[in-house]
Amino acid sequence: QVQFVESGGGLVQPGGSLRLSCTASGIIFSIYAMGWYRQAPGKQRDLVARITSSSSTNYADSVKGRFTISRANAKNTVYLQMNSLKPEDTAVYYCNFDTPIESRWGRGTQVIVSS
C-alpha cells in the first residue's frame, strides 16, 4: 500500500531555512515523478515543486530561487530545501505523486514562519 510520510517542519524565523523530507513506501519510487504541496489555513492545497524520475524540476513562481526539490531513490525519499523563508510560506506541507492521488495524502508537516 502506498504511503507517504513527511517530516522536518517546525517554527522558523523569516529568512531562515528548513529541509523537509518525505519517505515513500509501497511503490517503486524511482520511476515516479513526485511533488511537494502546501496548504495554508483557509486555502486550497497547491503544488510547490515537482521532480521527475530523471530529476528535472519545476517550481511555483512564489518559491522559485528559494526552494529546491531533490530526491534520493536509494532511500525512497524526496526532499524540499527551503531557504529565505517568508511568513507567507506558513502552511502544512505534503508530498504525493506529481498527479496526486487523493487517498494517499499523508499527515503532512507543519511549517510556521514567524518572528
C-alpha atoms as a PDB file:
ATOM      1  CA  GLN A   1       0.000   0.000   0.000  1.00  0.00           C
ATOM      2  CA  VAL A   2       1.342   3.393  -0.982  1.00  0.00           C
ATOM      3  CA  GLN A   3       2.235   5.619   1.931  1.00  0.00           C
ATOM      4  CA  PHE A   4       3.977   8.971   2.211  1.00  0.00           C
ATOM      5  CA  VAL A   5       5.435  10.218   5.495  1.00  0.00           C
ATOM      6  CA  GLU A   6       6.563  13.824   5.735  1.00  0.00           C
ATOM      7  CA  SER A   7       8.926  15.288   8.327  1.00  0.00           C
ATOM      8  CA  GLY A   8      11.204  18.210   9.029  1.00  0.00           C
ATOM      9  CA  GLY A   9       8.764  21.039   9.632  1.00  0.00           C
ATOM     10  CA  GLY A  10       8.904  23.449  12.512  1.00  0.00           C
ATOM     11  CA  LEU A  11       8.933  27.045  13.630  1.00  0.00           C
ATOM     12  CA  VAL A  12      11.476  29.260  11.901  1.00  0.00           C
ATOM     13  CA  GLN A  13      12.111  32.989  11.742  1.00  0.00           C
ATOM     14  CA  PRO A  14      11.708  34.898   8.485  1.00  0.00           C
ATOM     15  CA  GLY A  15      14.825  34.458   6.389  1.00  0.00           C
ATOM     16  CA  GLY A  16      15.541  31.078   7.901  1.00  0.00           C
ATOM     17  CA  SER A  17      15.781  27.638   6.338  1.00  0.00           C
ATOM     18  CA  LEU A  18      14.242  24.212   6.731  1.00  0.00           C
ATOM     19  CA  ARG A  19      14.686  20.912   4.954  1.00  0.00           C
ATOM     20  CA  LEU A  20      11.635  18.734   4.560  1.00  0.00           C
ATOM     21  CA  SER A  21      11.757  15.018   3.869  1.00  0.00           C
ATOM     22  CA  CYS A  22       9.137  12.644   2.508  1.00  0.00           C
ATOM     23  CA  THR A  23       9.678   8.921   2.567  1.00  0.00           C
ATOM     24  CA  ALA A  24       7.551   6.702   0.353  1.00  0.00           C
ATOM     25  CA  SER A  25       6.684   3.077   0.799  1.00  0.00           C
ATOM     26  CA  GLY A  26       4.732   0.565  -1.236  1.00  0.00           C
ATOM     27  CA  ILE A  27       5.944   1.833  -4.626  1.00  0.00           C
ATOM     28  CA  ILE A  28       8.914   1.536  -6.961  1.00  0.00           C
ATOM     29  CA  PHE A  29       9.826   5.082  -6.016  1.00  0.00           C
ATOM     30  CA  SER A  30      12.427   5.726  -8.695  1.00  0.00           C
ATOM     31  CA  ILE A  31      10.001   5.563 -11.621  1.00  0.00           C
ATOM     32  CA  TYR A  32       7.577   8.198 -10.338  1.00  0.00           C
ATOM     33  CA  ALA A  33       7.523  11.955 -10.615  1.00  0.00           C
ATOM     34  CA  MET A  34       6.875  13.441  -7.194  1.00  0.00           C
ATOM     35  CA  GLY A  35       5.562  16.709  -5.877  1.00  0.00           C
ATOM     36  CA  TRP A  36       5.617  18.819  -2.760  1.00  0.00           C
ATOM     37  CA  TYR A  37       2.376  20.600  -1.976  1.00  0.00           C
ATOM     38  CA  ARG A  38       1.279  23.003   0.724  1.00  0.00           C
ATOM     39  CA  GLN A  39      -1.971  24.121   2.253  1.00  0.00           C
ATOM     40  CA  ALA A  40      -2.243  27.307   4.241  1.00  0.00           C
ATOM     41  CA  PRO A  41      -5.163  27.829   6.639  1.00  0.00           C
ATOM     42  CA  GLY A  42      -8.360  28.512   4.742  1.00  0.00           C
ATOM     43  CA  LYS A  43      -6.741  27.949   1.356  1.00  0.00           C
ATOM     44  CA  GLN A  44      -6.595  25.133  -1.156  1.00  0.00           C
ATOM     45  CA  ARG A  45      -3.669  22.779  -1.411  1.00  0.00           C
ATOM     46  CA  ASP A  46      -1.245  23.889  -4.117  1.00  0.00           C
ATOM     47  CA  LEU A  47       1.756  22.368  -5.859  1.00  0.00           C
ATOM     48  CA  VAL A  48       5.014  23.940  -4.705  1.00  0.00           C
ATOM     49  CA  ALA A  49       7.594  21.897  -6.586  1.00  0.00           C
ATOM     50  CA  ARG A  50       7.825  18.746  -8.639  1.00  0.00           C
ATOM     51  CA  ILE A  51      10.631  16.440  -9.702  1.00  0.00           C
ATOM     52  CA  THR A  52      10.535  13.867 -12.463  1.00  0.00           C
ATOM     53  CA  SER A  53      12.051  10.393 -12.388  1.00  0.00           C
ATOM     54  CA  SER A  54      15.070  11.857 -14.199  1.00  0.00           C
ATOM     55  CA  SER A  55      15.277  14.701 -11.643  1.00  0.00           C
ATOM     56  CA  SER A  56      14.003  17.526 -13.834  1.00  0.00           C
ATOM     57  CA  THR A  57      12.375  20.105 -11.615  1.00  0.00           C
ATOM     58  CA  ASN A  58       9.645  22.729 -11.732  1.00  0.00           C
ATOM     59  CA  TYR A  59       8.605  25.292  -9.125  1.00  0.00           C
ATOM     60  CA  ALA A  60       5.708  27.533  -8.335  1.00  0.00           C
ATOM     61  CA  ASP A  61       6.584  31.159  -9.069  1.00  0.00           C
ATOM     62  CA  SER A  62       6.221  32.032  -5.398  1.00  0.00           C
ATOM     63  CA  VAL A  63       9.132  29.774  -4.381  1.00  0.00           C
ATOM     64  CA  LYS A  64      11.468  29.952  -7.374  1.00  0.00           C
ATOM     65  CA  GLY A  65      15.008  30.729  -6.345  1.00  0.00           C
ATOM     66  CA  ARG A  66      14.284  29.938  -2.683  1.00  0.00           C
ATOM     67  CA  PHE A  67      13.188  26.278  -2.640  1.00  0.00           C
ATOM     68  CA  THR A  68      14.972  23.257  -4.085  1.00  0.00           C
ATOM     69  CA  ILE A  69      13.412  19.840  -4.588  1.00  0.00           C
ATOM     70  CA  SER A  70      15.616  16.765  -4.822  1.00  0.00           C
ATOM     71  CA  ARG A  71      15.320  13.018  -4.491  1.00  0.00           C
ATOM     72  CA  ALA A  72      17.313  10.066  -3.183  1.00  0.00           C
ATOM     73  CA  ASN A  73      15.922   6.993  -4.893  1.00  0.00           C
ATOM     74  CA  ALA A  74      18.004   4.607  -2.789  1.00  0.00           C
ATOM     75  CA  LYS A  75      16.207   5.986   0.268  1.00  0.00           C
ATOM     76  CA  ASN A  76      12.742   6.296  -1.355  1.00  0.00           C
ATOM     77  CA  THR A  77      12.866   9.925  -0.242  1.00  0.00           C
ATOM     78  CA  VAL A  78      12.119  13.311  -1.774  1.00  0.00           C
ATOM     79  CA  TYR A  79      13.409  16.485  -0.134  1.00  0.00           C
ATOM     80  CA  LEU A  80      12.444  20.129  -0.134  1.00  0.00           C
ATOM     81  CA  GLN A  81      15.157  22.567   0.878  1.00  0.00           C
ATOM     82  CA  MET A  82      13.514  25.856   1.804  1.00  0.00           C
ATOM     83  CA  ASN A  83      15.647  28.971   2.148  1.00  0.00           C
ATOM     84  CA  SER A  84      14.825  32.632   2.708  1.00  0.00           C
ATOM     85  CA  LEU A  85      11.530  31.635   4.262  1.00  0.00           C
ATOM     86  CA  LYS A  86       8.731  34.180   4.429  1.00  0.00           C
ATOM     87  CA  PRO A  87       5.642  34.338   6.649  1.00  0.00           C
ATOM     88  CA  GLU A  88       3.527  33.513   3.611  1.00  0.00           C
ATOM     89  CA  ASP A  89       5.290  30.135   3.385  1.00  0.00           C
ATOM     90  CA  THR A  90       3.463  29.118   6.553  1.00  0.00           C
ATOM     91  CA  ALA A  91       1.443  26.009   5.717  1.00  0.00           C
ATOM     92  CA  VAL A  92       1.197  22.279   6.110  1.00  0.00           C
ATOM     93  CA  TYR A  93       3.482  20.670   3.542  1.00  0.00           C
ATOM     94  CA  TYR A  94       2.667  17.347   1.890  1.00  0.00           C
ATOM     95  CA  CYS A  95       4.172  15.111  -0.732  1.00  0.00           C
ATOM     96  CA  ASN A  96       2.371  12.957  -3.261  1.00  0.00           C
ATOM     97  CA  PHE A  97       2.770  11.924  -6.860  1.00  0.00           C
ATOM     98  CA  ASP A  98       3.012  14.869  -9.244  1.00  0.00           C
ATOM     99  CA  THR A  99      -0.527  13.937 -10.240  1.00  0.00           C
ATOM    100  CA  PRO A 100      -1.690  13.444  -6.680  1.00  0.00           C
ATOM    101  CA  ILE A 101      -3.834  10.542  -5.546  1.00  0.00           C
ATOM    102  CA  GLU A 102      -6.421  11.890  -3.128  1.00  0.00           C
ATOM    103  CA  SER A 103      -6.469   8.785  -0.990  1.00  0.00           C
ATOM    104  CA  ARG A 104      -2.713   8.889  -0.456  1.00  0.00           C
ATOM    105  CA  TRP A 105      -2.253  12.240   1.279  1.00  0.00           C
ATOM    106  CA  GLY A 106      -0.215  11.818   4.437  1.00  0.00           C
ATOM    107  CA  ARG A 107      -0.413  13.881   7.603  1.00  0.00           C
ATOM    108  CA  GLY A 108       1.970  16.483   6.266  1.00  0.00           C
ATOM    109  CA  THR A 109       4.475  18.517   8.214  1.00  0.00           C
ATOM    110  CA  GLN A 110       3.713  21.946   9.636  1.00  0.00           C
ATOM    111  CA  VAL A 111       5.919  24.889   8.726  1.00  0.00           C
ATOM    112  CA  ILE A 112       5.448  28.132  10.609  1.00  0.00           C
ATOM    113  CA  VAL A 113       7.459  31.185   9.622  1.00  0.00           C
ATOM    114  CA  SER A 114       7.179  33.822  12.290  1.00  0.00           C
ATOM    115  CA  SER A 115       9.286  36.143  14.364  1.00  0.00           C
END
